[in-house]
C-alpha atoms as a PDB file:
ATOM      1  CA  MET A   1       0.182  -0.127  -0.124  1.00  0.00           C
ATOM      2  CA  MET A   2       2.758   2.361   0.923  1.00  0.00           C
ATOM      3  CA  ARG A   3       4.572   1.667  -2.369  1.00  0.00           C
ATOM      4  CA  ILE A   4       1.489   2.636  -4.286  1.00  0.00           C
ATOM      5  CA  VAL A   5       1.135   5.892  -2.299  1.00  0.00           C
ATOM      6  CA  LYS A   6       4.679   6.505  -3.088  1.00  0.00           C
ATOM      7  CA  LYS A   7       4.158   6.184  -6.796  1.00  0.00           C
ATOM      8  CA  ILE A   8       0.896   8.287  -6.780  1.00  0.00           C
ATOM      9  CA  PHE A   9       2.963  11.021  -4.704  1.00  0.00           C
ATOM     10  CA  ILE A  10       5.821  10.891  -7.476  1.00  0.00           C
ATOM     11  CA  ARG A  11       3.571  11.288 -10.143  1.00  0.00           C
ATOM     12  CA  PHE A  12       1.889  14.324  -9.372  1.00  0.00           C
ATOM     13  CA  TYR A  13       4.841  15.908  -7.235  1.00  0.00           C
ATOM     14  CA  PRO A  14       8.087  15.412  -9.146  1.00  0.00           C
ATOM     15  CA  MET A  15      11.300  14.353  -6.633  1.00  0.00           C
ATOM     16  CA  ILE A  16      14.934  14.944  -7.127  1.00  0.00           C
ATOM     17  CA  ARG A  17      17.143  12.087  -8.322  1.00  0.00           C
ATOM     18  CA  GLU A  18      19.719  12.046  -5.319  1.00  0.00           C
ATOM     19  CA  GLN A  19      22.724  11.399  -7.859  1.00  0.00           C
ATOM     20  CA  PRO A  20      23.584  14.350  -9.982  1.00  0.00           C
ATOM     21  CA  ILE A  21      23.364  14.009 -13.750  1.00  0.00           C
ATOM     22  CA  TRP A  22      26.803  15.592 -14.097  1.00  0.00           C
ATOM     23  CA  SER A  23      29.104  17.841 -11.985  1.00  0.00           C
ATOM     24  CA  TYR A  24      31.676  20.514 -13.012  1.00  0.00           C
ATOM     25  CA  SER A  25      34.414  22.306 -11.260  1.00  0.00           C
ATOM     26  CA  SER A  26      35.287  26.013 -11.766  1.00  0.00           C
ATOM     27  CA  LEU A  27      36.843  28.790  -9.913  1.00  0.00           C
ATOM     28  CA  ASP A  28      33.986  30.955 -11.068  1.00  0.00           C
ATOM     29  CA  ALA A  29      31.599  31.339  -7.999  1.00  0.00           C
ATOM     30  CA  ALA A  30      29.269  33.715  -9.640  1.00  0.00           C
ATOM     31  CA  PRO A  31      25.457  33.151  -9.742  1.00  0.00           C
ATOM     32  CA  THR A  32      24.705  30.577 -12.479  1.00  0.00           C
ATOM     33  CA  THR A  33      21.229  30.055 -14.191  1.00  0.00           C
ATOM     34  CA  LEU A  34      19.572  27.253 -15.854  1.00  0.00           C
ATOM     35  CA  LEU A  35      18.224  27.695 -19.424  1.00  0.00           C
ATOM     36  CA  GLU A  36      16.474  25.368 -21.782  1.00  0.00           C
ATOM     37  CA  ASN A  37      19.724  23.840 -23.297  1.00  0.00           C
ATOM     38  CA  ARG A  38      22.272  25.754 -21.369  1.00  0.00           C
ATOM     39  CA  VAL A  39      23.869  26.454 -18.036  1.00  0.00           C
ATOM     40  CA  ILE A  40      25.091  30.122 -17.972  1.00  0.00           C
ATOM     41  CA  GLY A  41      27.103  32.319 -15.401  1.00  0.00           C
ATOM     42  CA  ILE A  42      29.357  35.193 -16.087  1.00  0.00           C
ATOM     43  CA  GLY A  43      32.053  33.878 -18.000  1.00  0.00           C
ATOM     44  CA  LEU A  44      30.910  30.424 -18.131  1.00  0.00           C
ATOM     45  CA  CYS A  45      28.474  28.328 -20.428  1.00  0.00           C
ATOM     46  CA  LEU A  46      27.758  24.709 -19.847  1.00  0.00           C
ATOM     47  CA  ASP A  47      25.724  22.398 -22.032  1.00  0.00           C
ATOM     48  CA  ARG A  48      22.847  21.400 -19.753  1.00  0.00           C
ATOM     49  CA  ALA A  49      22.511  18.110 -20.976  1.00  0.00           C
ATOM     50  CA  ASN A  50      26.087  16.784 -19.995  1.00  0.00           C
ATOM     51  CA  GLY A  51      27.916  19.668 -18.235  1.00  0.00           C
ATOM     52  CA  GLN A  52      30.374  19.958 -21.105  1.00  0.00           C
ATOM     53  CA  CYS A  53      31.924  23.553 -20.840  1.00  0.00           C
ATOM     54  CA  LEU A  54      31.192  25.407 -24.314  1.00  0.00           C
ATOM     55  CA  TRP A  55      33.197  28.558 -23.256  1.00  0.00           C
ATOM     56  CA  GLN A  56      34.898  30.300 -20.531  1.00  0.00           C
ATOM     57  CA  LYS A  57      36.013  33.745 -20.583  1.00  0.00           C
ATOM     58  CA  SER A  58      37.082  36.610 -18.309  1.00  0.00           C
ATOM     59  CA  PHE A  59      35.295  39.703 -18.521  1.00  0.00           C
ATOM     60  CA  SER A  60      35.942  43.280 -17.353  1.00  0.00           C
ATOM     61  CA  GLY A  61      32.982  44.752 -15.453  1.00  0.00           C
ATOM     62  CA  ALA A  62      30.064  42.667 -15.833  1.00  0.00           C
ATOM     63  CA  ASN A  63      29.570  40.025 -12.987  1.00  0.00           C
ATOM     64  CA  THR A  64      25.670  39.767 -12.742  1.00  0.00           C
ATOM     65  CA  ILE A  65      23.400  38.328 -15.238  1.00  0.00           C
ATOM     66  CA  ILE A  66      19.695  40.180 -15.613  1.00  0.00           C
ATOM     67  CA  GLY A  67      18.537  37.552 -18.246  1.00  0.00           C
ATOM     68  CA  GLU A  68      18.812  35.943 -21.733  1.00  0.00           C
ATOM     69  CA  SER A  69      16.831  36.694 -24.897  1.00  0.00           C
ATOM     70  CA  ASN A  70      17.091  35.850 -28.271  1.00  0.00           C
ATOM     71  CA  GLY A  71      20.650  34.250 -27.867  1.00  0.00           C
ATOM     72  CA  VAL A  72      22.104  37.487 -26.020  1.00  0.00           C
ATOM     73  CA  ILE A  73      23.050  37.163 -22.546  1.00  0.00           C
ATOM     74  CA  VAL A  74      22.239  40.664 -20.841  1.00  0.00           C
ATOM     75  CA  ALA A  75      24.482  41.510 -17.541  1.00  0.00           C
ATOM     76  CA  THR A  76      25.691  44.302 -15.351  1.00  0.00           C
ATOM     77  CA  GLU A  77      27.976  44.964 -12.623  1.00  0.00           C
ATOM     78  CA  LEU A  78      27.281  44.700  -9.090  1.00  0.00           C
ATOM     79  CA  ILE A  79      29.301  47.003  -7.046  1.00  0.00           C
ATOM     80  CA  THR A  80      29.678  47.015  -3.267  1.00  0.00           C
ATOM     81  CA  TYR A  81      31.676  50.231  -2.092  1.00  0.00           C
ATOM     82  CA  THR A  82      30.210  51.856   0.937  1.00  0.00           C
ATOM     83  CA  ALA A  83      26.786  51.027  -0.801  1.00  0.00           C
ATOM     84  CA  THR A  84      25.662  48.231  -3.056  1.00  0.00           C
ATOM     85  CA  PHE A  85      24.404  49.299  -6.406  1.00  0.00           C
ATOM     86  CA  PHE A  86      24.484  48.068 -10.211  1.00  0.00           C
ATOM     87  CA  SER A  87      26.181  49.993 -13.024  1.00  0.00           C
ATOM     88  CA  GLY A  88      26.542  49.501 -16.659  1.00  0.00           C
ATOM     89  CA  CYS A  89      24.807  47.233 -19.449  1.00  0.00           C
ATOM     90  CA  TYR A  90      26.439  44.378 -21.469  1.00  0.00           C
ATOM     91  CA  GLY A  91      25.478  42.082 -24.016  1.00  0.00           C
ATOM     92  CA  PHE A  92      27.093  38.678 -24.660  1.00  0.00           C
ATOM     93  CA  ASP A  93      26.746  35.995 -27.311  1.00  0.00           C
ATOM     94  CA  LEU A  94      24.974  32.990 -25.799  1.00  0.00           C
ATOM     95  CA  GLU A  95      26.767  30.469 -27.979  1.00  0.00           C
ATOM     96  CA  THR A  96      30.385  31.919 -28.052  1.00  0.00           C
ATOM     97  CA  GLY A  97      30.694  34.252 -24.900  1.00  0.00           C
ATOM     98  CA  LYS A  98      31.758  37.110 -27.287  1.00  0.00           C
ATOM     99  CA  LEU A  99      30.898  40.574 -25.918  1.00  0.00           C
ATOM    100  CA  LEU A 100      28.460  41.988 -28.531  1.00  0.00           C
ATOM    101  CA  TRP A 101      27.680  45.514 -27.372  1.00  0.00           C
ATOM    102  CA  THR A 102      27.773  47.817 -24.039  1.00  0.00           C
ATOM    103  CA  SER A 103      25.540  50.571 -23.187  1.00  0.00           C
ATOM    104  CA  HIS A 104      26.148  52.517 -20.246  1.00  0.00           C
ATOM    105  CA  GLY A 105      24.729  55.799 -21.440  1.00  0.00           C
ATOM    106  CA  ASN A 106      24.086  57.639 -24.640  1.00  0.00           C
ATOM    107  CA  GLY A 107      26.646  59.687 -26.446  1.00  0.00           C
ATOM    108  CA  LEU A 108      29.870  60.893 -24.919  1.00  0.00           C
ATOM    109  CA  TRP A 109      28.716  60.109 -21.305  1.00  0.00           C
ATOM    110  CA  GLY A 110      28.490  56.306 -22.377  1.00  0.00           C
ATOM    111  CA  VAL A 111      31.722  56.492 -23.810  1.00  0.00           C
ATOM    112  CA  LEU A 112      33.277  57.786 -20.804  1.00  0.00           C
ATOM    113  CA  CYS A 113      31.457  55.237 -18.505  1.00  0.00           C
ATOM    114  CA  ARG A 114      32.903  52.500 -20.750  1.00  0.00           C
ATOM    115  CA  ILE A 115      36.365  53.710 -20.099  1.00  0.00           C
ATOM    116  CA  GLY A 116      35.874  53.568 -16.551  1.00  0.00           C
ATOM    117  CA  ASP A 117      35.386  49.891 -16.878  1.00  0.00           C
ATOM    118  CA  PHE A 118      39.206  49.525 -17.507  1.00  0.00           C
ATOM    119  CA  ILE A 119      40.449  51.768 -14.775  1.00  0.00           C
ATOM    120  CA  PRO A 120      41.268  49.698 -11.619  1.00  0.00           C
ATOM    121  CA  CYS A 121      39.338  50.420  -8.590  1.00  0.00           C
ATOM    122  CA  PHE A 122      37.240  52.906 -10.493  1.00  0.00           C
ATOM    123  CA  VAL A 123      33.750  53.146  -9.226  1.00  0.00           C
ATOM    124  CA  ASN A 124      31.023  54.926 -11.183  1.00  0.00           C
ATOM    125  CA  ASP A 125      27.407  54.880  -9.698  1.00  0.00           C
ATOM    126  CA  MET A 126      26.087  57.129 -12.468  1.00  0.00           C
ATOM    127  CA  SER A 127      26.090  54.593 -15.282  1.00  0.00           C
ATOM    128  CA  ASP A 128      22.835  53.469 -16.703  1.00  0.00           C
ATOM    129  CA  ARG A 129      21.575  49.807 -15.774  1.00  0.00           C
ATOM    130  CA  PRO A 130      19.443  47.336 -16.913  1.00  0.00           C
ATOM    131  CA  ILE A 131      16.089  46.718 -14.967  1.00  0.00           C
ATOM    132  CA  CYS A 132      14.690  43.601 -16.976  1.00  0.00           C
ATOM    133  CA  LEU A 133      14.227  41.958 -20.386  1.00  0.00           C
ATOM    134  CA  GLU A 134      10.749  41.918 -22.321  1.00  0.00           C
ATOM    135  CA  ASP A 135       9.964  40.992 -25.817  1.00  0.00           C
ATOM    136  CA  GLY A 136      13.602  41.163 -26.861  1.00  0.00           C
ATOM    137  CA  ARG A 137      14.096  44.549 -25.504  1.00  0.00           C
ATOM    138  CA  VAL A 138      16.168  45.825 -22.499  1.00  0.00           C
ATOM    139  CA  ILE A 139      14.254  47.976 -20.097  1.00  0.00           C
ATOM    140  CA  MET A 140      17.136  50.457 -18.562  1.00  0.00           C
ATOM    141  CA  GLU A 141      16.805  52.625 -15.518  1.00  0.00           C
ATOM    142  CA  SER A 142      17.089  55.949 -17.042  1.00  0.00           C
ATOM    143  CA  GLY A 143      14.148  54.792 -19.403  1.00  0.00           C
ATOM    144  CA  ARG A 144      16.013  54.131 -22.464  1.00  0.00           C
ATOM    145  CA  ILE A 145      14.920  50.890 -24.184  1.00  0.00           C
ATOM    146  CA  LEU A 146      17.376  48.911 -25.980  1.00  0.00           C
ATOM    147  CA  ASP A 147      17.273  46.257 -28.786  1.00  0.00           C
ATOM    148  CA  VAL A 148      18.896  43.116 -26.994  1.00  0.00           C
ATOM    149  CA  ARG A 149      20.602  41.921 -30.209  1.00  0.00           C
ATOM    150  CA  THR A 150      22.293  45.255 -30.950  1.00  0.00           C
ATOM    151  CA  GLY A 151      22.167  47.343 -27.775  1.00  0.00           C
ATOM    152  CA  LYS A 152      20.925  50.305 -29.772  1.00  0.00           C
ATOM    153  CA  GLN A 153      18.159  52.524 -28.230  1.00  0.00           C
ATOM    154  CA  VAL A 154      14.750  51.867 -30.098  1.00  0.00           C
ATOM    155  CA  GLU A 155      12.630  53.722 -27.764  1.00  0.00           C
ATOM    156  CA  ARG A 156      12.613  56.029 -24.622  1.00  0.00           C
ATOM    157  CA  ILE A 157      10.146  56.339 -21.824  1.00  0.00           C
ATOM    158  CA  PRO A 158       9.819  58.414 -18.505  1.00  0.00           C
ATOM    159  CA  ARG A 159      12.018  57.243 -15.816  1.00  0.00           C
ATOM    160  CA  LYS A 160       9.139  56.970 -13.646  1.00  0.00           C
ATOM    161  CA  LYS A 161       7.566  54.653 -15.976  1.00  0.00           C
ATOM    162  CA  ALA A 162      10.687  52.422 -16.276  1.00  0.00           C
ATOM    163  CA  ALA A 163      10.617  52.056 -12.504  1.00  0.00           C
ATOM    164  CA  THR A 164       7.284  50.273 -12.828  1.00  0.00           C
ATOM    165  CA  PHE A 165       9.452  47.409 -14.493  1.00  0.00           C
ATOM    166  CA  TYR A 166      10.994  46.739 -11.287  1.00  0.00           C
ATOM    167  CA  ARG A 167       7.861  44.748 -10.130  1.00  0.00           C
ATOM    168  CA  GLN A 168       8.982  41.991 -12.908  1.00  0.00           C
ATOM    169  CA  LEU A 169      12.087  41.328 -10.764  1.00  0.00           C
ATOM    170  CA  GLU A 170       9.899  40.478  -7.971  1.00  0.00           C
ATOM    171  CA  SER A 171       9.744  36.662  -7.321  1.00  0.00           C
ATOM    172  CA  PRO A 172       7.933  34.760  -4.380  1.00  0.00           C
ATOM    173  CA  LEU A 173      11.196  33.961  -2.963  1.00  0.00           C
ATOM    174  CA  ARG A 174      12.502  37.572  -2.819  1.00  0.00           C
ATOM    175  CA  GLU A 175       9.160  38.409  -1.482  1.00  0.00           C
ATOM    176  CA  LEU A 176       9.437  35.855   1.340  1.00  0.00           C
ATOM    177  CA  LEU A 177      13.133  37.041   2.096  1.00  0.00           C
ATOM    178  CA  GLU A 178      12.497  40.619   2.357  1.00  0.00           C
ATOM    179  CA  LYS A 179       9.029  40.739   3.792  1.00  0.00           C
ATOM    180  CA  ARG A 180       9.249  37.588   5.856  1.00  0.00           C
ATOM    181  CA  LYS A 181       5.820  36.593   4.344  1.00  0.00           C
ATOM    182  CA  LEU A 182       4.416  35.212   1.338  1.00  0.00           C
ATOM    183  CA  LEU A 183       0.591  35.021   0.338  1.00  0.00           C
ATOM    184  CA  LEU A 184       0.086  31.548  -1.458  1.00  0.00           C
ATOM    185  CA  ASP A 185      -2.635  31.149  -4.390  1.00  0.00           C
ATOM    186  CA  ASP A 186      -4.983  29.095  -1.770  1.00  0.00           C
ATOM    187  CA  GLY A 187      -5.009  32.135   0.497  1.00  0.00           C
ATOM    188  CA  THR A 188      -2.789  30.591   2.909  1.00  0.00           C
ATOM    189  CA  TRP A 189       0.800  32.088   4.006  1.00  0.00           C
ATOM    190  CA  LEU A 190       4.426  31.109   4.191  1.00  0.00           C
ATOM    191  CA  THR A 191       6.135  33.253   6.894  1.00  0.00           C
ATOM    192  CA  HIS A 192       9.602  33.222   8.743  1.00  0.00           C
ATOM    193  CA  VAL A 193       7.979  34.956  11.821  1.00  0.00           C
ATOM    194  CA  LEU A 194       4.736  34.437  13.599  1.00  0.00           C
ATOM    195  CA  PRO A 195       2.364  37.489  13.768  1.00  0.00           C
ATOM    196  CA  GLU A 196       1.935  38.744  17.546  1.00  0.00           C
ATOM    197  CA  ILE A 197      -1.323  38.278  19.386  1.00  0.00           C
ATOM    198  CA  GLY A 198      -4.142  40.520  17.591  1.00  0.00           C
ATOM    199  CA  GLN A 199      -1.780  41.312  14.723  1.00  0.00           C
ATOM    200  CA  GLN A 200      -2.775  40.646  11.016  1.00  0.00           C
ATOM    201  CA  ILE A 201      -0.402  38.752   9.111  1.00  0.00           C
ATOM    202  CA  GLN A 202      -0.225  41.633   6.495  1.00  0.00           C
ATOM    203  CA  ASP A 203       0.830  43.789   9.213  1.00  0.00           C
ATOM    204  CA  ILE A 204       3.961  41.837  10.189  1.00  0.00           C
ATOM    205  CA  PRO A 205       6.805  44.429   9.833  1.00  0.00           C
ATOM    206  CA  THR A 206       9.445  44.412   7.168  1.00  0.00           C
ATOM    207  CA  PRO A 207      12.702  44.001   8.812  1.00  0.00           C
ATOM    208  CA  ARG A 208      15.429  46.811   8.514  1.00  0.00           C
ATOM    209  CA  SER A 209      17.996  44.555   7.192  1.00  0.00           C
ATOM    210  CA  PHE A 210      17.861  42.076   4.414  1.00  0.00           C
ATOM    211  CA  ALA A 211      21.352  40.596   5.023  1.00  0.00           C
ATOM    212  CA  TRP A 212      21.669  36.862   4.806  1.00  0.00           C
ATOM    213  CA  ASN A 213      23.500  36.593   7.857  1.00  0.00           C
ATOM    214  CA  ASP A 214      21.385  39.035   9.947  1.00  0.00           C
ATOM    215  CA  PHE A 215      18.479  37.263   8.812  1.00  0.00           C
ATOM    216  CA  PHE A 216      19.420  33.587  10.034  1.00  0.00           C
ATOM    217  CA  LYS A 217      21.595  34.681  13.026  1.00  0.00           C
ATOM    218  CA  HIS A 218      18.793  33.529  15.206  1.00  0.00           C
ATOM    219  CA  GLY A 219      17.976  30.275  13.243  1.00  0.00           C
ATOM    220  CA  PHE A 220      15.857  29.435  10.303  1.00  0.00           C
ATOM    221  CA  ASP A 221      12.094  28.993  11.059  1.00  0.00           C
ATOM    222  CA  LEU A 222       9.388  28.430   8.561  1.00  0.00           C
ATOM    223  CA  TYR A 223       5.722  28.470   9.119  1.00  0.00           C
ATOM    224  CA  ARG A 224       2.457  27.883   6.937  1.00  0.00           C
ATOM    225  CA  LEU A 225      -0.299  29.728   8.340  1.00  0.00           C
ATOM    226  CA  THR A 226      -3.989  30.095   7.458  1.00  0.00           C
ATOM    227  CA  GLU A 227      -5.492  33.450   6.441  1.00  0.00           C
ATOM    228  CA  SER A 228      -6.710  34.014  10.214  1.00  0.00           C
ATOM    229  CA  GLY A 229      -2.876  33.366  11.226  1.00  0.00           C
ATOM    230  CA  ASP A 230      -3.657  29.901  12.670  1.00  0.00           C
ATOM    231  CA  ARG A 231      -0.479  27.499  12.130  1.00  0.00           C
ATOM    232  CA  ILE A 232      -0.785  24.699   9.717  1.00  0.00           C
ATOM    233  CA  TRP A 233       2.521  23.486  10.246  1.00  0.00           C
ATOM    234  CA  SER A 234       6.124  24.669  11.521  1.00  0.00           C
ATOM    235  CA  PHE A 235       9.734  23.773  10.329  1.00  0.00           C
ATOM    236  CA  GLN A 236      12.841  24.166  12.300  1.00  0.00           C
ATOM    237  CA  PRO A 237      15.996  22.581  11.019  1.00  0.00           C
ATOM    238  CA  GLU A 238      16.984  21.204  14.563  1.00  0.00           C
ATOM    239  CA  LYS A 239      14.525  18.664  14.063  1.00  0.00           C
ATOM    240  CA  ILE A 240      16.647  16.918  11.442  1.00  0.00           C
ATOM    241  CA  GLY A 241      19.779  17.370  13.206  1.00  0.00           C
ATOM    242  CA  CYS A 242      21.133  20.391  10.920  1.00  0.00           C
ATOM    243  CA  HIS A 243      22.200  23.648  12.404  1.00  0.00           C
ATOM    244  CA  GLN A 244      23.178  26.277   9.490  1.00  0.00           C
ATOM    245  CA  ILE A 245      21.295  27.173   6.433  1.00  0.00           C
ATOM    246  CA  HIS A 246      23.193  27.781   3.233  1.00  0.00           C
ATOM    247  CA  GLY A 247      20.390  28.587   0.811  1.00  0.00           C
ATOM    248  CA  TYR A 248      16.637  28.000  -0.158  1.00  0.00           C
ATOM    249  CA  LYS A 249      14.689  28.080  -3.013  1.00  0.00           C
ATOM    250  CA  LEU A 250      10.764  27.787  -3.662  1.00  0.00           C
ATOM    251  CA  ASP A 251       9.380  25.405  -6.127  1.00  0.00           C
ATOM    252  CA  LEU A 252       5.599  26.515  -6.113  1.00  0.00           C
ATOM    253  CA  PRO A 253       3.243  25.258  -5.329  1.00  0.00           C
ATOM    254  CA  TYR A 254       4.880  22.076  -4.159  1.00  0.00           C
ATOM    255  CA  HIS A 255       8.129  22.420  -2.393  1.00  0.00           C
ATOM    256  CA  VAL A 256      10.922  24.227  -0.713  1.00  0.00           C
ATOM    257  CA  TYR A 257      14.299  23.232  -1.610  1.00  0.00           C
ATOM    258  CA  LEU A 258      16.968  23.775   1.263  1.00  0.00           C
ATOM    259  CA  LEU A 259      20.632  23.180   1.807  1.00  0.00           C
ATOM    260  CA  PHE A 260      21.809  22.653   5.511  1.00  0.00           C
ATOM    261  CA  SER A 261      25.079  21.686   7.024  1.00  0.00           C
ATOM    262  CA  GLU A 262      25.121  19.046  10.030  1.00  0.00           C
ATOM    263  CA  GLU A 263      27.312  21.749  11.766  1.00  0.00           C
ATOM    264  CA  LYS A 264      28.201  25.565  11.577  1.00  0.00           C
ATOM    265  CA  THR A 265      30.769  26.106   8.971  1.00  0.00           C
ATOM    266  CA  THR A 266      32.154  29.141  10.685  1.00  0.00           C
ATOM    267  CA  LEU A 267      33.015  28.833  14.556  1.00  0.00           C
ATOM    268  CA  TYR A 268      33.801  31.875  16.766  1.00  0.00           C
ATOM    269  CA  ASP A 269      36.952  31.018  19.183  1.00  0.00           C
ATOM    270  CA  SER A 270      36.530  32.982  22.516  1.00  0.00           C
ATOM    271  CA  GLU A 271      40.119  32.488  23.339  1.00  0.00           C
ATOM    272  CA  THR A 272      41.701  33.924  20.264  1.00  0.00           C
ATOM    273  CA  GLN A 273      38.527  36.159  19.665  1.00  0.00           C
ATOM    274  CA  GLU A 274      38.752  34.945  15.896  1.00  0.00           C
ATOM    275  CA  PHE A 275      36.605  33.140  13.579  1.00  0.00           C
ATOM    276  CA  ARG A 276      37.700  30.063  12.297  1.00  0.00           C
ATOM    277  CA  HIS A 277      36.595  27.696   9.385  1.00  0.00           C
ATOM    278  CA  ASN A 278      34.778  24.381   9.915  1.00  0.00           C
ATOM    279  CA  LEU A 279      33.956  21.784   7.462  1.00  0.00           C
ATOM    280  CA  SER A 280      30.537  19.944   7.499  1.00  0.00           C
ATOM    281  CA  ARG A 281      28.425  17.554   5.563  1.00  0.00           C
ATOM    282  CA  ILE A 282      25.683  19.282   3.637  1.00  0.00           C
ATOM    283  CA  HIS A 283      22.228  18.124   3.119  1.00  0.00           C
ATOM    284  CA  PHE A 284      19.795  18.687   0.359  1.00  0.00           C
ATOM    285  CA  VAL A 285      16.277  18.703   1.973  1.00  0.00           C
ATOM    286  CA  THR A 286      12.816  19.079   0.098  1.00  0.00           C
ATOM    287  CA  ILE A 287       9.825  20.193   2.364  1.00  0.00           C
ATOM    288  CA  SER A 288       6.159  19.684   1.087  1.00  0.00           C
ATOM    289  CA  ILE A 289       4.449  23.051   1.198  1.00  0.00           C
ATOM    290  CA  GLU A 290       1.147  21.183   1.677  1.00  0.00           C
ATOM    291  CA  THR A 291       2.196  19.239   4.781  1.00  0.00           C
ATOM    292  CA  GLY A 292       5.505  20.898   6.071  1.00  0.00           C
ATOM    293  CA  LYS A 293       6.944  17.366   6.122  1.00  0.00           C
ATOM    294  CA  ILE A 294      10.518  16.430   4.813  1.00  0.00           C
ATOM    295  CA  ILE A 295      10.088  14.340   1.704  1.00  0.00           C
ATOM    296  CA  GLN A 296      13.783  14.134   0.650  1.00  0.00           C
ATOM    297  CA  ASN A 297      16.835  14.595   2.543  1.00  0.00           C
ATOM    298  CA  PHE A 298      20.192  13.365   1.185  1.00  0.00           C
ATOM    299  CA  LEU A 299      23.739  14.599   1.205  1.00  0.00           C
ATOM    300  CA  ILE A 300      25.229  16.449  -1.980  1.00  0.00           C
ATOM    301  CA  GLU A 301      28.563  15.112  -1.164  1.00  0.00           C
ATOM    302  CA  GLU A 302      29.770  12.401   1.361  1.00  0.00           C
ATOM    303  CA  THR A 303      32.728  14.458   2.351  1.00  0.00           C
ATOM    304  CA  ALA A 304      32.760  17.660   4.476  1.00  0.00           C
ATOM    305  CA  LEU A 305      32.319  20.984   2.601  1.00  0.00           C
ATOM    306  CA  ALA A 306      32.711  24.538   3.727  1.00  0.00           C
ATOM    307  CA  GLY A 307      29.509  25.712   2.143  1.00  0.00           C
ATOM    308  CA  GLY A 308      27.048  25.621  -0.842  1.00  0.00           C
ATOM    309  CA  SER A 309      24.095  27.328  -2.734  1.00  0.00           C
ATOM    310  CA  ILE A 310      21.076  26.303  -4.708  1.00  0.00           C
ATOM    311  CA  GLN A 311      22.029  28.154  -7.739  1.00  0.00           C
ATOM    312  CA  SER A 312      18.899  27.709  -9.858  1.00  0.00           C
ATOM    313  CA  VAL A 313      15.533  25.809 -10.149  1.00  0.00           C
ATOM    314  CA  ASP A 314      13.232  25.188 -13.041  1.00  0.00           C
ATOM    315  CA  ALA A 315      10.758  22.542 -13.927  1.00  0.00           C
ATOM    316  CA  TYR A 316      13.242  20.017 -15.024  1.00  0.00           C
ATOM    317  CA  GLY A 317      16.079  20.320 -12.383  1.00  0.00           C
ATOM    318  CA  VAL A 318      18.109  21.875  -9.695  1.00  0.00           C
ATOM    319  CA  LEU A 319      21.685  23.463 -10.031  1.00  0.00           C
ATOM    320  CA  VAL A 320      23.690  23.135  -6.660  1.00  0.00           C
ATOM    321  CA  SER A 321      27.116  24.480  -6.058  1.00  0.00           C
ATOM    322  CA  SER A 322      29.402  23.996  -3.271  1.00  0.00           C
ATOM    323  CA  ASN A 323      33.065  24.571  -2.459  1.00  0.00           C
ATOM    324  CA  GLU A 324      35.693  22.669  -0.433  1.00  0.00           C
ATOM    325  CA  THR A 325      37.187  25.725   1.098  1.00  0.00           C
ATOM    326  CA  HIS A 326      35.803  29.160   2.249  1.00  0.00           C
ATOM    327  CA  LEU A 327      35.822  31.810  -0.704  1.00  0.00           C
ATOM    328  CA  TRP A 328      37.826  34.071   1.137  1.00  0.00           C
ATOM    329  CA  ASP A 329      40.642  31.531   1.566  1.00  0.00           C
ATOM    330  CA  LYS A 330      43.844  32.357  -0.201  1.00  0.00           C
ATOM    331  CA  ASN A 331      44.412  28.743  -1.447  1.00  0.00           C
ATOM    332  CA  ARG A 332      40.732  28.505  -2.870  1.00  0.00           C
ATOM    333  CA  LEU A 333      39.731  25.198  -4.595  1.00  0.00           C
ATOM    334  CA  PRO A 334      37.172  25.085  -7.377  1.00  0.00           C
ATOM    335  CA  ASN A 335      33.695  25.555  -6.837  1.00  0.00           C
ATOM    336  CA  VAL A 336      31.810  22.334  -7.923  1.00  0.00           C
ATOM    337  CA  PHE A 337      28.514  22.690  -9.744  1.00  0.00           C
ATOM    338  CA  ARG A 338      26.166  19.685  -9.631  1.00  0.00           C
ATOM    339  CA  TYR A 339      22.972  19.373 -11.841  1.00  0.00           C
ATOM    340  CA  PHE A 340      20.218  17.082 -10.079  1.00  0.00           C
ATOM    341  CA  GLU A 341      17.251  16.199 -12.450  1.00  0.00           C
ATOM    342  CA  LYS A 342      13.829  15.978 -11.361  1.00  0.00           C
ATOM    343  CA  ILE A 343      12.065  12.527 -11.780  1.00  0.00           C
ATOM    344  CA  ASN A 344       9.565  12.658 -14.581  1.00  0.00           C
ATOM    345  CA  PRO A 345       6.248  13.273 -12.989  1.00  0.00           C
ATOM    346  CA  THR A 346       4.534  11.589 -15.733  1.00  0.00           C
ATOM    347  CA  ALA A 347       6.739   8.490 -15.690  1.00  0.00           C
END
């Protein structure tokens, strides 16, 4: 009977095969995205079917992918310098990695901003930046609209109207992270905090800090609540013997995917008053949004690791990265990307 129930569950709720289809080692630790036939990162493109590297390049400036359209990867530069902001717009050929165009602004200003890409330690927070891609066009923060294939301006809209396109960047995960609460299609809520007595879920205040470390310094709690605030289920990683979260993604409407380590990978030594690194085995955990139950829990690698991240999720698979040494270590080992396939729900 249990075997029949499991088959029915797998048929409608695709699981993850616990052995990766392929793995790939690279010093590139930048965020990586799943496309239909490719896996792309800044300076890296793999064949999704087998993990074969199609090209690998080093770019000046661009380090964050906005999206892909008509065979062109659109990217910008994420800069952290007393503040965090994005700068510049770059178009790369998906098949070759060749830089096709740059567009940091119109006329002489755009030329000067581009020259700034090659000046060491130069920071320019005045360059135009892409917001999103729509119908083969790149919507820029200034209101310029570019043809994704050429980078040429084809239209201009008011800056205020361009700002409305930021809504397209909003995702359920981002909303849950930033607001600590997410309204699901059935009227229930996913939250990281519980409302106070007499408080409506909608009135849970948005925290002042979105920093990952600040978010989870008191642990990781996840709840599903009714519209009136009654608890349907709750989840705490301590229940499965894990103590540090390294990343999570939503796979609505069925699953939450998480990476947990059995031990903390950064420990504070009170005697030396310094932090030290600690390797730990990392688990890939799948939680059912319907029940809050763990339906999968497996190690992404038998050996201990320094950390990991769920890079990208789509209808067919999950891309996970992990590293054997911390990113700020001098003797850094390659980042390992692993692609896990979803079991065919109709099989």
